[in-house]
Protein backbone atom coordinates (compact mmCIF):
# COMPACT_ATOMS: atom_id res chain seq x y z
CA UNK A 1 5.55 17.40 23.74
CA UNK A 2 4.76 15.50 20.53
CA UNK A 3 5.26 11.90 19.68
CA UNK A 4 8.67 11.19 18.22
CA UNK A 5 8.98 9.90 14.69
CA UNK A 6 9.85 6.31 13.92
CA UNK A 7 13.37 5.66 12.67
CA UNK A 8 13.53 4.24 9.13
CA UNK A 9 16.02 1.43 8.53
CA UNK A 10 16.68 -0.78 5.51
CA UNK A 11 17.86 -4.37 5.35
CA UNK A 12 20.86 -4.75 3.01
CA UNK A 13 18.86 -6.13 0.07
CA UNK A 14 16.40 -3.23 0.19
CA UNK A 15 19.19 -0.67 0.64
CA UNK A 16 20.86 -2.00 -2.50
CA UNK A 17 17.58 -1.72 -4.42
CA UNK A 18 17.06 1.84 -3.13
CA UNK A 19 20.49 2.79 -4.47
CA UNK A 20 19.42 1.77 -7.99
CA UNK A 21 16.21 3.83 -8.07
CA UNK A 22 15.83 6.66 -10.57
CA UNK A 23 15.73 10.19 -9.16
CA UNK A 24 11.90 10.43 -9.42
CA UNK A 25 11.46 7.00 -7.77
CA UNK A 26 13.88 7.94 -4.99
CA UNK A 27 12.05 11.24 -4.40
CA UNK A 28 8.71 9.41 -4.20
CA UNK A 29 10.17 6.84 -1.80
CA UNK A 30 11.67 9.56 0.41
CA UNK A 31 8.27 11.26 0.57
CA UNK A 32 6.72 7.94 1.62
CA UNK A 33 9.46 7.50 4.25
CA UNK A 34 8.44 10.84 5.79
CA UNK A 35 4.79 9.76 5.96
CA UNK A 36 5.44 6.34 7.49
CA UNK A 37 8.00 7.70 9.96
CA UNK A 38 5.16 9.75 11.47
CA UNK A 39 2.53 6.99 11.28
CA UNK A 40 3.58 3.63 9.84
CA UNK A 41 0.05 2.25 10.33
CA UNK A 42 -1.84 5.06 8.57
CA UNK A 43 -2.68 5.70 4.94
CA UNK A 44 -1.37 4.56 2.49
CA UNK A 45 -0.10 1.56 4.49
CA UNK A 46 -1.96 -1.72 4.31
CA UNK A 47 -1.58 -4.55 6.77
CA UNK A 48 -0.50 -7.89 5.34
CA UNK A 49 -1.68 -11.20 6.76
CA UNK A 50 1.51 -11.54 8.78
CA UNK A 51 3.16 -8.87 10.94
CA UNK A 52 4.30 -6.80 7.96
CA UNK A 53 2.87 -3.75 6.22
CA UNK A 54 3.01 -2.55 2.62
CA UNK A 55 2.78 0.93 1.16
CA UNK A 56 2.97 2.18 -2.44
CA UNK A 57 5.08 4.94 -3.93
CA UNK A 58 5.27 6.15 -7.54
CA UNK A 59 6.83 3.26 -9.42
CA UNK A 60 6.72 0.60 -6.72
CA UNK A 61 5.95 -0.41 -3.18
CA UNK A 62 7.74 -1.31 0.03
CA UNK A 63 7.13 -3.99 2.62
CA UNK A 64 8.17 -3.32 6.20
CA UNK A 65 7.82 -4.32 9.82
CA UNK A 66 7.43 -2.01 12.79
CA UNK A 67 9.01 -2.53 16.18
CA UNK A 68 10.27 -0.38 19.04
CA UNK A 69 9.89 2.96 17.23
CA UNK A 70 11.70 1.56 14.16
CA UNK A 71 10.35 0.90 10.70
CA UNK A 72 12.51 -1.74 9.00
CA UNK A 73 12.02 -1.82 5.24
CA UNK A 74 12.86 -5.27 3.98
CA UNK A 75 11.53 -5.23 0.41
CA UNK A 76 11.39 -2.61 -2.34
CA UNK A 77 9.53 -3.88 -5.39
CA UNK A 78 9.24 -1.86 -8.57
CA UNK A 79 6.27 -1.94 -10.91
CA UNK A 80 6.20 -1.01 -14.57
CA UNK A 81 4.11 2.08 -15.21
């Protein structure tokens, strides 16, 4: 029996930002969601100096915390490319 995936959740602010992403950005973010749901501590995630983690996707990055088999995404920042 394998390890169950982490559940991905968004705080309201991040959910609103996700809703405004372009189709390619949303697809890249959804691919990242799949990766971090299986291992939120593995590549490409980087630990921040507090209890949060960050991970990039094409066009931006997310910041999240992990607790009790949940990944809670609290920030989606976009970068100009």
